[in-house]
Amino acid sequence: MAKTTKSDQPGFEKALAELDQIVAKLEKGGLALNESLALFEKGVKLARFLREELDRAERKVEILLKDDKGGTKRVPFKLDSEDDEDEGGDEEGGEESGSPDKEGGELPF
């Protein structure tokens, strides 16, 4: 078994914190080339691990959101900061209701 077990891999939060530390060290500079390359390599591995974990979590959420017929209901997920941007009124002719009606034959552009 060449696969690493779940216990061999760091948790998401730990890997994210470690990646953040690596980025800070690289941004600070003053490292030898070999040390920078080693940190960069480790950072890339951590970033790939984090991406895989996020993809895995997304698949789990899709499974949980399956409807009665086995189809997936896709519901866009917005962070609170994205909601604030949407309410900023940057769009021309923004509607006050918060949910523009695009089905009335009107194009959004």
PDB file of N, CA and C in Angstrom:
ATOM      1  N   MET A   1       0.825  -1.181   0.000  1.00  0.00           N
ATOM      2  CA  MET A   1       0.000   0.000   0.000  1.00  0.00           C
ATOM      3  C   MET A   1       0.870   1.245   0.000  1.00  0.00           C
ATOM      4  N   ALA A   2       0.958   1.889  -1.118  1.00  0.00           N
ATOM      5  CA  ALA A   2       1.759   3.092  -1.231  1.00  0.00           C
ATOM      6  C   ALA A   2       0.983   4.332  -0.821  1.00  0.00           C
ATOM      7  N   LYS A   3      -0.333   4.196  -0.679  1.00  0.00           N
ATOM      8  CA  LYS A   3      -1.153   5.326  -0.293  1.00  0.00           C
ATOM      9  C   LYS A   3      -0.879   5.708   1.151  1.00  0.00           C
ATOM     10  N   THR A   4      -0.902   7.007   1.410  1.00  0.00           N
ATOM     11  CA  THR A   4      -0.740   7.450   2.787  1.00  0.00           C
ATOM     12  C   THR A   4      -2.088   7.355   3.472  1.00  0.00           C
ATOM     13  N   THR A   5      -2.055   6.986   4.721  1.00  0.00           N
ATOM     14  CA  THR A   5      -3.298   6.879   5.465  1.00  0.00           C
ATOM     15  C   THR A   5      -3.739   8.258   5.914  1.00  0.00           C
ATOM     16  N   LYS A   6      -4.989   8.341   6.310  1.00  0.00           N
ATOM     17  CA  LYS A   6      -5.548   9.611   6.731  1.00  0.00           C
ATOM     18  C   LYS A   6      -4.784  10.185   7.923  1.00  0.00           C
ATOM     19  N   SER A   7      -4.297   9.308   8.809  1.00  0.00           N
ATOM     20  CA  SER A   7      -3.581   9.777   9.988  1.00  0.00           C
ATOM     21  C   SER A   7      -2.186  10.302   9.645  1.00  0.00           C
ATOM     22  N   ASP A   8      -1.649   9.928   8.465  1.00  0.00           N
ATOM     23  CA  ASP A   8      -0.337  10.413   8.046  1.00  0.00           C
ATOM     24  C   ASP A   8      -0.398  11.848   7.530  1.00  0.00           C
ATOM     25  N   GLN A   9      -1.567  12.291   7.108  1.00  0.00           N
ATOM     26  CA  GLN A   9      -1.698  13.615   6.521  1.00  0.00           C
ATOM     27  C   GLN A   9      -2.176  14.616   7.569  1.00  0.00           C
ATOM     28  N   PRO A  10      -1.721  15.874   7.438  1.00  0.00           N
ATOM     29  CA  PRO A  10      -2.148  16.895   8.397  1.00  0.00           C
ATOM     30  C   PRO A  10      -3.615  17.249   8.179  1.00  0.00           C
ATOM     31  N   GLY A  11      -4.239  17.772   9.205  1.00  0.00           N
ATOM     32  CA  GLY A  11      -5.607  18.247   9.067  1.00  0.00           C
ATOM     33  C   GLY A  11      -5.634  19.503   8.215  1.00  0.00           C
ATOM     34  N   PHE A  12      -6.803  19.853   7.742  1.00  0.00           N
ATOM     35  CA  PHE A  12      -6.946  21.011   6.858  1.00  0.00           C
ATOM     36  C   PHE A  12      -6.443  22.284   7.531  1.00  0.00           C
ATOM     37  N   GLU A  13      -6.900  22.535   8.736  1.00  0.00           N
ATOM     38  CA  GLU A  13      -6.528  23.765   9.431  1.00  0.00           C
ATOM     39  C   GLU A  13      -5.028  23.831   9.697  1.00  0.00           C
ATOM     40  N   LYS A  14      -4.446  22.693  10.084  1.00  0.00           N
ATOM     41  CA  LYS A  14      -3.008  22.654  10.353  1.00  0.00           C
ATOM     42  C   LYS A  14      -2.222  22.905   9.065  1.00  0.00           C
ATOM     43  N   ALA A  15      -2.650  22.283   7.971  1.00  0.00           N
ATOM     44  CA  ALA A  15      -1.972  22.473   6.687  1.00  0.00           C
ATOM     45  C   ALA A  15      -2.099  23.915   6.217  1.00  0.00           C
ATOM     46  N   LEU A  16      -3.265  24.514   6.420  1.00  0.00           N
ATOM     47  CA  LEU A  16      -3.476  25.901   6.017  1.00  0.00           C
ATOM     48  C   LEU A  16      -2.587  26.845   6.817  1.00  0.00           C
ATOM     49  N   ALA A  17      -2.476  26.596   8.118  1.00  0.00           N
ATOM     50  CA  ALA A  17      -1.613  27.419   8.969  1.00  0.00           C
ATOM     51  C   ALA A  17      -0.150  27.271   8.561  1.00  0.00           C
ATOM     52  N   GLU A  18       0.247  26.049   8.249  1.00  0.00           N
ATOM     53  CA  GLU A  18       1.627  25.807   7.828  1.00  0.00           C
ATOM     54  C   GLU A  18       1.916  26.502   6.498  1.00  0.00           C
ATOM     55  N   LEU A  19       0.965  26.443   5.576  1.00  0.00           N
ATOM     56  CA  LEU A  19       1.133  27.123   4.289  1.00  0.00           C
ATOM     57  C   LEU A  19       1.234  28.627   4.495  1.00  0.00           C
ATOM     58  N   ASP A  20       0.443  29.159   5.396  1.00  0.00           N
ATOM     59  CA  ASP A  20       0.486  30.588   5.693  1.00  0.00           C
ATOM     60  C   ASP A  20       1.856  30.990   6.233  1.00  0.00           C
ATOM     61  N   GLN A  21       2.436  30.155   7.094  1.00  0.00           N
ATOM     62  CA  GLN A  21       3.771  30.436   7.632  1.00  0.00           C
ATOM     63  C   GLN A  21       4.825  30.401   6.526  1.00  0.00           C
ATOM     64  N   ILE A  22       4.700  29.438   5.628  1.00  0.00           N
ATOM     65  CA  ILE A  22       5.650  29.321   4.518  1.00  0.00           C
ATOM     66  C   ILE A  22       5.579  30.557   3.634  1.00  0.00           C
ATOM     67  N   VAL A  23       4.367  30.988   3.322  1.00  0.00           N
ATOM     68  CA  VAL A  23       4.194  32.177   2.484  1.00  0.00           C
ATOM     69  C   VAL A  23       4.817  33.390   3.162  1.00  0.00           C
ATOM     70  N   ALA A  24       4.601  33.538   4.464  1.00  0.00           N
ATOM     71  CA  ALA A  24       5.167  34.669   5.197  1.00  0.00           C
ATOM     72  C   ALA A  24       6.692  34.648   5.150  1.00  0.00           C
ATOM     73  N   LYS A  25       7.289  33.468   5.326  1.00  0.00           N
ATOM     74  CA  LYS A  25       8.752  33.355   5.273  1.00  0.00           C
ATOM     75  C   LYS A  25       9.280  33.720   3.891  1.00  0.00           C
ATOM     76  N   LEU A  26       8.604  33.222   2.855  1.00  0.00           N
ATOM     77  CA  LEU A  26       9.055  33.505   1.494  1.00  0.00           C
ATOM     78  C   LEU A  26       8.885  34.980   1.147  1.00  0.00           C
ATOM     79  N   GLU A  27       7.797  35.589   1.599  1.00  0.00           N
ATOM     80  CA  GLU A  27       7.575  37.005   1.325  1.00  0.00           C
ATOM     81  C   GLU A  27       8.569  37.884   2.069  1.00  0.00           C
ATOM     82  N   LYS A  28       8.972  37.450   3.249  1.00  0.00           N
ATOM     83  CA  LYS A  28       9.930  38.214   4.046  1.00  0.00           C
ATOM     84  C   LYS A  28      11.291  38.258   3.361  1.00  0.00           C
ATOM     85  N   GLY A  29      11.640  37.151   2.709  1.00  0.00           N
ATOM     86  CA  GLY A  29      12.915  37.096   1.994  1.00  0.00           C
ATOM     87  C   GLY A  29      14.078  36.798   2.922  1.00  0.00           C
ATOM     88  N   GLY A  30      15.283  36.978   2.400  1.00  0.00           N
ATOM     89  CA  GLY A  30      16.480  36.750   3.190  1.00  0.00           C
ATOM     90  C   GLY A  30      16.858  35.291   3.345  1.00  0.00           C
ATOM     91  N   LEU A  31      16.216  34.408   2.608  1.00  0.00           N
ATOM     92  CA  LEU A  31      16.515  32.981   2.690  1.00  0.00           C
ATOM     93  C   LEU A  31      17.491  32.587   1.588  1.00  0.00           C
ATOM     94  N   ALA A  32      18.236  31.536   1.861  1.00  0.00           N
ATOM     95  CA  ALA A  32      19.115  30.984   0.829  1.00  0.00           C
ATOM     96  C   ALA A  32      18.247  30.374  -0.270  1.00  0.00           C
ATOM     97  N   LEU A  33      18.805  30.281  -1.463  1.00  0.00           N
ATOM     98  CA  LEU A  33      18.054  29.754  -2.603  1.00  0.00           C
ATOM     99  C   LEU A  33      17.526  28.353  -2.323  1.00  0.00           C
ATOM    100  N   ASN A  34      18.386  27.482  -1.801  1.00  0.00           N
ATOM    101  CA  ASN A  34      17.963  26.107  -1.523  1.00  0.00           C
ATOM    102  C   ASN A  34      16.839  26.056  -0.491  1.00  0.00           C
ATOM    103  N   GLU A  35      16.935  26.900   0.524  1.00  0.00           N
ATOM    104  CA  GLU A  35      15.888  26.937   1.541  1.00  0.00           C
ATOM    105  C   GLU A  35      14.580  27.465   0.946  1.00  0.00           C
ATOM    106  N   SER A  36      14.686  28.485   0.108  1.00  0.00           N
ATOM    107  CA  SER A  36      13.496  29.026  -0.558  1.00  0.00           C
ATOM    108  C   SER A  36      12.833  27.977  -1.437  1.00  0.00           C
ATOM    109  N   LEU A  37      13.640  27.246  -2.194  1.00  0.00           N
ATOM    110  CA  LEU A  37      13.089  26.205  -3.064  1.00  0.00           C
ATOM    111  C   LEU A  37      12.431  25.089  -2.257  1.00  0.00           C
ATOM    112  N   ALA A  38      13.054  24.708  -1.154  1.00  0.00           N
ATOM    113  CA  ALA A  38      12.480  23.655  -0.312  1.00  0.00           C
ATOM    114  C   ALA A  38      11.148  24.109   0.284  1.00  0.00           C
ATOM    115  N   LEU A  39      11.101  25.363   0.747  1.00  0.00           N
ATOM    116  CA  LEU A  39       9.850  25.886   1.288  1.00  0.00           C
ATOM    117  C   LEU A  39       8.781  25.988   0.204  1.00  0.00           C
ATOM    118  N   PHE A  40       9.193  26.433  -0.984  1.00  0.00           N
ATOM    119  CA  PHE A  40       8.245  26.546  -2.094  1.00  0.00           C
ATOM    120  C   PHE A  40       7.665  25.178  -2.443  1.00  0.00           C
ATOM    121  N   GLU A  41       8.535  24.173  -2.504  1.00  0.00           N
ATOM    122  CA  GLU A  41       8.080  22.814  -2.823  1.00  0.00           C
ATOM    123  C   GLU A  41       7.080  22.316  -1.775  1.00  0.00           C
ATOM    124  N   LYS A  42       7.399  22.551  -0.514  1.00  0.00           N
ATOM    125  CA  LYS A  42       6.489  22.127   0.553  1.00  0.00           C
ATOM    126  C   LYS A  42       5.169  22.890   0.463  1.00  0.00           C
ATOM    127  N   GLY A  43       5.253  24.168   0.124  1.00  0.00           N
ATOM    128  CA  GLY A  43       4.046  24.977  -0.023  1.00  0.00           C
ATOM    129  C   GLY A  43       3.153  24.491  -1.146  1.00  0.00           C
ATOM    130  N   VAL A  44       3.760  24.099  -2.258  1.00  0.00           N
ATOM    131  CA  VAL A  44       2.986  23.572  -3.386  1.00  0.00           C
ATOM    132  C   VAL A  44       2.282  22.277  -2.982  1.00  0.00           C
ATOM    133  N   LYS A  45       2.994  21.417  -2.263  1.00  0.00           N
ATOM    134  CA  LYS A  45       2.381  20.161  -1.808  1.00  0.00           C
ATOM    135  C   LYS A  45       1.212  20.436  -0.865  1.00  0.00           C
ATOM    136  N   LEU A  46       1.399  21.379   0.044  1.00  0.00           N
ATOM    137  CA  LEU A  46       0.317  21.730   0.963  1.00  0.00           C
ATOM    138  C   LEU A  46      -0.871  22.329   0.213  1.00  0.00           C
ATOM    139  N   ALA A  47      -0.592  23.183  -0.768  1.00  0.00           N
ATOM    140  CA  ALA A  47      -1.671  23.794  -1.550  1.00  0.00           C
ATOM    141  C   ALA A  47      -2.463  22.734  -2.308  1.00  0.00           C
ATOM    142  N   ARG A  48      -1.766  21.753  -2.855  1.00  0.00           N
ATOM    143  CA  ARG A  48      -2.463  20.658  -3.556  1.00  0.00           C
ATOM    144  C   ARG A  48      -3.322  19.853  -2.584  1.00  0.00           C
ATOM    145  N   PHE A  49      -2.768  19.562  -1.413  1.00  0.00           N
ATOM    146  CA  PHE A  49      -3.523  18.833  -0.393  1.00  0.00           C
ATOM    147  C   PHE A  49      -4.779  19.608  -0.004  1.00  0.00           C
ATOM    148  N   LEU A  50      -4.627  20.920   0.205  1.00  0.00           N
ATOM    149  CA  LEU A  50      -5.766  21.746   0.588  1.00  0.00           C
ATOM    150  C   LEU A  50      -6.825  21.769  -0.508  1.00  0.00           C
ATOM    151  N   ARG A  51      -6.399  21.860  -1.771  1.00  0.00           N
ATOM    152  CA  ARG A  51      -7.335  21.857  -2.897  1.00  0.00           C
ATOM    153  C   ARG A  51      -8.101  20.536  -2.940  1.00  0.00           C
ATOM    154  N   GLU A  52      -7.388  19.424  -2.738  1.00  0.00           N
ATOM    155  CA  GLU A  52      -8.041  18.110  -2.730  1.00  0.00           C
ATOM    156  C   GLU A  52      -9.057  18.006  -1.597  1.00  0.00           C
ATOM    157  N   GLU A  53      -8.705  18.534  -0.440  1.00  0.00           N
ATOM    158  CA  GLU A  53      -9.628  18.504   0.692  1.00  0.00           C
ATOM    159  C   GLU A  53     -10.870  19.344   0.409  1.00  0.00           C
ATOM    160  N   LEU A  54     -10.674  20.507  -0.201  1.00  0.00           N
ATOM    161  CA  LEU A  54     -11.816  21.351  -0.545  1.00  0.00           C
ATOM    162  C   LEU A  54     -12.702  20.681  -1.590  1.00  0.00           C
ATOM    163  N   ASP A  55     -12.086  20.054  -2.581  1.00  0.00           N
ATOM    164  CA  ASP A  55     -12.854  19.328  -3.601  1.00  0.00           C
ATOM    165  C   ASP A  55     -13.642  18.186  -2.973  1.00  0.00           C
ATOM    166  N   ARG A  56     -13.010  17.476  -2.052  1.00  0.00           N
ATOM    167  CA  ARG A  56     -13.673  16.360  -1.371  1.00  0.00           C
ATOM    168  C   ARG A  56     -14.868  16.873  -0.556  1.00  0.00           C
ATOM    169  N   ALA A  57     -14.681  17.983   0.118  1.00  0.00           N
ATOM    170  CA  ALA A  57     -15.771  18.563   0.906  1.00  0.00           C
ATOM    171  C   ALA A  57     -16.911  19.014  -0.002  1.00  0.00           C
ATOM    172  N   GLU A  58     -16.564  19.578  -1.152  1.00  0.00           N
ATOM    173  CA  GLU A  58     -17.595  20.013  -2.102  1.00  0.00           C
ATOM    174  C   GLU A  58     -18.417  18.826  -2.599  1.00  0.00           C
ATOM    175  N   ARG A  59     -17.747  17.718  -2.879  1.00  0.00           N
ATOM    176  CA  ARG A  59     -18.469  16.518  -3.327  1.00  0.00           C
ATOM    177  C   ARG A  59     -19.408  16.002  -2.231  1.00  0.00           C
ATOM    178  N   LYS A  60     -18.958  16.060  -0.989  1.00  0.00           N
ATOM    179  CA  LYS A  60     -19.811  15.624   0.121  1.00  0.00           C
ATOM    180  C   LYS A  60     -21.046  16.508   0.233  1.00  0.00           C
ATOM    181  N   VAL A  61     -20.850  17.807   0.075  1.00  0.00           N
ATOM    182  CA  VAL A  61     -21.979  18.734   0.147  1.00  0.00           C
ATOM    183  C   VAL A  61     -22.966  18.448  -0.976  1.00  0.00           C
ATOM    184  N   GLU A  62     -22.462  18.182  -2.177  1.00  0.00           N
ATOM    185  CA  GLU A  62     -23.346  17.866  -3.298  1.00  0.00           C
ATOM    186  C   GLU A  62     -24.149  16.603  -3.022  1.00  0.00           C
ATOM    187  N   ILE A  63     -23.528  15.618  -2.393  1.00  0.00           N
ATOM    188  CA  ILE A  63     -24.244  14.390  -2.043  1.00  0.00           C
ATOM    189  C   ILE A  63     -25.357  14.710  -1.050  1.00  0.00           C
ATOM    190  N   LEU A  64     -25.052  15.557  -0.087  1.00  0.00           N
ATOM    191  CA  LEU A  64     -26.045  15.908   0.921  1.00  0.00           C
ATOM    192  C   LEU A  64     -27.195  16.725   0.344  1.00  0.00           C
ATOM    193  N   LEU A  65     -26.945  17.432  -0.755  1.00  0.00           N
ATOM    194  CA  LEU A  65     -27.971  18.280  -1.354  1.00  0.00           C
ATOM    195  C   LEU A  65     -28.769  17.584  -2.445  1.00  0.00           C
ATOM    196  N   LYS A  66     -28.580  16.284  -2.611  1.00  0.00           N
ATOM    197  CA  LYS A  66     -29.339  15.566  -3.641  1.00  0.00           C
ATOM    198  C   LYS A  66     -30.821  15.634  -3.320  1.00  0.00           C
ATOM    199  N   ASP A  67     -31.613  15.804  -4.380  1.00  0.00           N
ATOM    200  CA  ASP A  67     -33.054  15.851  -4.182  1.00  0.00           C
ATOM    201  C   ASP A  67     -33.649  14.449  -4.180  1.00  0.00           C
ATOM    202  N   ASP A  68     -34.958  14.362  -4.060  1.00  0.00           N
ATOM    203  CA  ASP A  68     -35.655  13.079  -3.970  1.00  0.00           C
ATOM    204  C   ASP A  68     -35.442  12.198  -5.194  1.00  0.00           C
ATOM    205  N   LYS A  69     -35.224  12.815  -6.338  1.00  0.00           N
ATOM    206  CA  LYS A  69     -35.067  12.062  -7.587  1.00  0.00           C
ATOM    207  C   LYS A  69     -33.614  11.694  -7.867  1.00  0.00           C
ATOM    208  N   GLY A  70     -32.729  12.000  -6.962  1.00  0.00           N
ATOM    209  CA  GLY A  70     -31.317  11.678  -7.141  1.00  0.00           C
ATOM    210  C   GLY A  70     -30.535  12.773  -7.833  1.00  0.00           C
ATOM    211  N   GLY A  71     -31.211  13.828  -8.257  1.00  0.00           N
ATOM    212  CA  GLY A  71     -30.528  14.959  -8.886  1.00  0.00           C
ATOM    213  C   GLY A  71     -29.967  15.886  -7.826  1.00  0.00           C
ATOM    214  N   THR A  72     -28.994  16.656  -8.220  1.00  0.00           N
ATOM    215  CA  THR A  72     -28.373  17.583  -7.284  1.00  0.00           C
ATOM    216  C   THR A  72     -28.974  18.963  -7.462  1.00  0.00           C
ATOM    217  N   LYS A  73     -29.349  19.559  -6.354  1.00  0.00           N
ATOM    218  CA  LYS A  73     -29.807  20.938  -6.384  1.00  0.00           C
ATOM    219  C   LYS A  73     -28.581  21.804  -6.132  1.00  0.00           C
ATOM    220  N   ARG A  74     -28.175  22.559  -7.128  1.00  0.00           N
ATOM    221  CA  ARG A  74     -27.030  23.451  -6.949  1.00  0.00           C
ATOM    222  C   ARG A  74     -27.523  24.770  -6.392  1.00  0.00           C
ATOM    223  N   VAL A  75     -27.000  25.125  -5.240  1.00  0.00           N
ATOM    224  CA  VAL A  75     -27.348  26.374  -4.604  1.00  0.00           C
ATOM    225  C   VAL A  75     -26.060  27.164  -4.458  1.00  0.00           C
ATOM    226  N   PRO A  76     -25.980  28.344  -5.067  1.00  0.00           N
ATOM    227  CA  PRO A  76     -24.739  29.114  -4.948  1.00  0.00           C
ATOM    228  C   PRO A  76     -24.487  29.506  -3.501  1.00  0.00           C
ATOM    229  N   PHE A  77     -23.256  29.362  -3.097  1.00  0.00           N
ATOM    230  CA  PHE A  77     -22.857  29.687  -1.737  1.00  0.00           C
ATOM    231  C   PHE A  77     -22.161  31.030  -1.764  1.00  0.00           C
ATOM    232  N   LYS A  78     -22.649  31.957  -0.966  1.00  0.00           N
ATOM    233  CA  LYS A  78     -22.035  33.276  -0.907  1.00  0.00           C
ATOM    234  C   LYS A  78     -21.549  33.535   0.509  1.00  0.00           C
ATOM    235  N   LEU A  79     -20.350  34.070   0.590  1.00  0.00           N
ATOM    236  CA  LEU A  79     -19.821  34.488   1.876  1.00  0.00           C
ATOM    237  C   LEU A  79     -20.462  35.808   2.250  1.00  0.00           C
ATOM    238  N   ASP A  80     -20.434  36.152   3.512  1.00  0.00           N
ATOM    239  CA  ASP A  80     -21.019  37.410   3.960  1.00  0.00           C
ATOM    240  C   ASP A  80     -20.412  38.592   3.228  1.00  0.00           C
ATOM    241  N   SER A  81     -19.108  38.559   2.964  1.00  0.00           N
ATOM    242  CA  SER A  81     -18.449  39.667   2.277  1.00  0.00           C
ATOM    243  C   SER A  81     -18.949  39.801   0.847  1.00  0.00           C
ATOM    244  N   GLU A  82     -19.290  38.684   0.197  1.00  0.00           N
ATOM    245  CA  GLU A  82     -19.830  38.739  -1.157  1.00  0.00           C
ATOM    246  C   GLU A  82     -21.222  39.339  -1.144  1.00  0.00           C
ATOM    247  N   ASP A  83     -22.006  39.053  -0.117  1.00  0.00           N
ATOM    248  CA  ASP A  83     -23.340  39.629  -0.005  1.00  0.00           C
ATOM    249  C   ASP A  83     -23.245  41.142   0.125  1.00  0.00           C
ATOM    250  N   ASP A  84     -22.264  41.622   0.895  1.00  0.00           N
ATOM    251  CA  ASP A  84     -22.080  43.052   1.062  1.00  0.00           C
ATOM    252  C   ASP A  84     -21.740  43.715  -0.259  1.00  0.00           C
ATOM    253  N   GLU A  85     -20.895  43.071  -1.069  1.00  0.00           N
ATOM    254  CA  GLU A  85     -20.527  43.620  -2.362  1.00  0.00           C
ATOM    255  C   GLU A  85     -21.728  43.674  -3.282  1.00  0.00           C
ATOM    256  N   ASP A  86     -22.572  42.642  -3.247  1.00  0.00           N
ATOM    257  CA  ASP A  86     -23.753  42.606  -4.099  1.00  0.00           C
ATOM    258  C   ASP A  86     -24.716  43.725  -3.747  1.00  0.00           C
ATOM    259  N   GLU A  87     -24.801  44.093  -2.492  1.00  0.00           N
ATOM    260  CA  GLU A  87     -25.714  45.122  -2.058  1.00  0.00           C
ATOM    261  C   GLU A  87     -25.143  46.512  -2.258  1.00  0.00           C
ATOM    262  N   GLY A  88     -23.895  46.600  -2.708  1.00  0.00           N
ATOM    263  CA  GLY A  88     -23.239  47.882  -2.866  1.00  0.00           C
ATOM    264  C   GLY A  88     -23.823  48.739  -3.960  1.00  0.00           C
ATOM    265  N   GLY A  89     -24.600  48.180  -4.866  1.00  0.00           N
ATOM    266  CA  GLY A  89     -25.213  48.956  -5.926  1.00  0.00           C
ATOM    267  C   GLY A  89     -24.254  49.307  -7.030  1.00  0.00           C
ATOM    268  N   ASP A  90     -23.224  48.511  -7.242  1.00  0.00           N
ATOM    269  CA  ASP A  90     -22.276  48.776  -8.308  1.00  0.00           C
ATOM    270  C   ASP A  90     -22.892  48.580  -9.676  1.00  0.00           C
ATOM    271  N   GLU A  91     -23.943  47.761  -9.761  1.00  0.00           N
ATOM    272  CA  GLU A  91     -24.570  47.483 -11.036  1.00  0.00           C
ATOM    273  C   GLU A  91     -25.476  48.638 -11.418  1.00  0.00           C
ATOM    274  N   GLU A  92     -25.532  48.930 -12.714  1.00  0.00           N
ATOM    275  CA  GLU A  92     -26.420  49.966 -13.192  1.00  0.00           C
ATOM    276  C   GLU A  92     -27.850  49.497 -13.056  1.00  0.00           C
ATOM    277  N   GLY A  93     -28.710  50.384 -12.560  1.00  0.00           N
ATOM    278  CA  GLY A  93     -30.113  50.045 -12.437  1.00  0.00           C
ATOM    279  C   GLY A  93     -30.364  48.902 -11.493  1.00  0.00           C
ATOM    280  N   GLY A  94     -29.568  48.788 -10.445  1.00  0.00           N
ATOM    281  CA  GLY A  94     -29.720  47.690  -9.495  1.00  0.00           C
ATOM    282  C   GLY A  94     -31.097  47.705  -8.862  1.00  0.00           C
ATOM    283  N   GLU A  95     -31.659  46.557  -8.666  1.00  0.00           N
ATOM    284  CA  GLU A  95     -32.991  46.462  -8.102  1.00  0.00           C
ATOM    285  C   GLU A  95     -32.922  46.437  -6.592  1.00  0.00           C
ATOM    286  N   GLU A  96     -33.926  46.995  -5.969  1.00  0.00           N
ATOM    287  CA  GLU A  96     -33.958  47.083  -4.529  1.00  0.00           C
ATOM    288  C   GLU A  96     -34.331  45.767  -3.862  1.00  0.00           C
ATOM    289  N   SER A  97     -34.980  44.880  -4.587  1.00  0.00           N
ATOM    290  CA  SER A  97     -35.470  43.646  -3.985  1.00  0.00           C
ATOM    291  C   SER A  97     -34.356  42.686  -3.602  1.00  0.00           C
ATOM    292  N   GLY A  98     -33.172  42.832  -4.191  1.00  0.00           N
ATOM    293  CA  GLY A  98     -32.060  41.946  -3.875  1.00  0.00           C
ATOM    294  C   GLY A  98     -32.019  40.707  -4.738  1.00  0.00           C
ATOM    295  N   SER A  99     -33.125  40.373  -5.423  1.00  0.00           N
ATOM    296  CA  SER A  99     -33.131  39.213  -6.310  1.00  0.00           C
ATOM    297  C   SER A  99     -33.765  39.611  -7.639  1.00  0.00           C
ATOM    298  N   PRO A 100     -32.935  40.045  -8.584  1.00  0.00           N
ATOM    299  CA  PRO A 100     -33.454  40.502  -9.873  1.00  0.00           C
ATOM    300  C   PRO A 100     -34.154  39.377 -10.618  1.00  0.00           C
ATOM    301  N   ASP A 101     -35.238  39.728 -11.309  1.00  0.00           N
ATOM    302  CA  ASP A 101     -36.013  38.756 -12.073  1.00  0.00           C
ATOM    303  C   ASP A 101     -35.461  38.690 -13.485  1.00  0.00           C
ATOM    304  N   LYS A 102     -34.700  37.631 -13.781  1.00  0.00           N
ATOM    305  CA  LYS A 102     -34.085  37.471 -15.096  1.00  0.00           C
ATOM    306  C   LYS A 102     -34.965  36.665 -16.032  1.00  0.00           C
ATOM    307  N   GLU A 103     -36.081  36.127 -15.542  1.00  0.00           N
ATOM    308  CA  GLU A 103     -36.919  35.270 -16.362  1.00  0.00           C
ATOM    309  C   GLU A 103     -37.951  36.062 -17.144  1.00  0.00           C
ATOM    310  N   GLY A 104     -38.033  37.343 -16.965  1.00  0.00           N
ATOM    311  CA  GLY A 104     -39.027  38.154 -17.642  1.00  0.00           C
ATOM    312  C   GLY A 104     -38.635  38.493 -19.064  1.00  0.00           C
ATOM    313  N   GLY A 105     -37.659  37.790 -19.637  1.00  0.00           N
ATOM    314  CA  GLY A 105     -37.228  38.040 -21.000  1.00  0.00           C
ATOM    315  C   GLY A 105     -36.194  39.143 -21.101  1.00  0.00           C
ATOM    316  N   GLU A 106     -35.828  39.731 -20.003  1.00  0.00           N
ATOM    317  CA  GLU A 106     -34.870  40.820 -19.999  1.00  0.00           C
ATOM    318  C   GLU A 106     -33.463  40.267 -19.797  1.00  0.00           C
ATOM    319  N   LEU A 107     -32.531  40.684 -20.645  1.00  0.00           N
ATOM    320  CA  LEU A 107     -31.152  40.227 -20.517  1.00  0.00           C
ATOM    321  C   LEU A 107     -30.433  41.068 -19.472  1.00  0.00           C
ATOM    322  N   PRO A 108     -29.505  40.475 -18.734  1.00  0.00           N
ATOM    323  CA  PRO A 108     -28.809  41.215 -17.686  1.00  0.00           C
ATOM    324  C   PRO A 108     -27.747  42.161 -18.215  1.00  0.00           C
ATOM    325  N   PHE A 109     -27.548  42.207 -19.539  1.00  0.00           N
ATOM    326  CA  PHE A 109     -26.521  43.098 -20.088  1.00  0.00           C
ATOM    327  C   PHE A 109     -27.013  43.857 -21.266  1.00  0.00           C
TER     328      PHE A 109
END
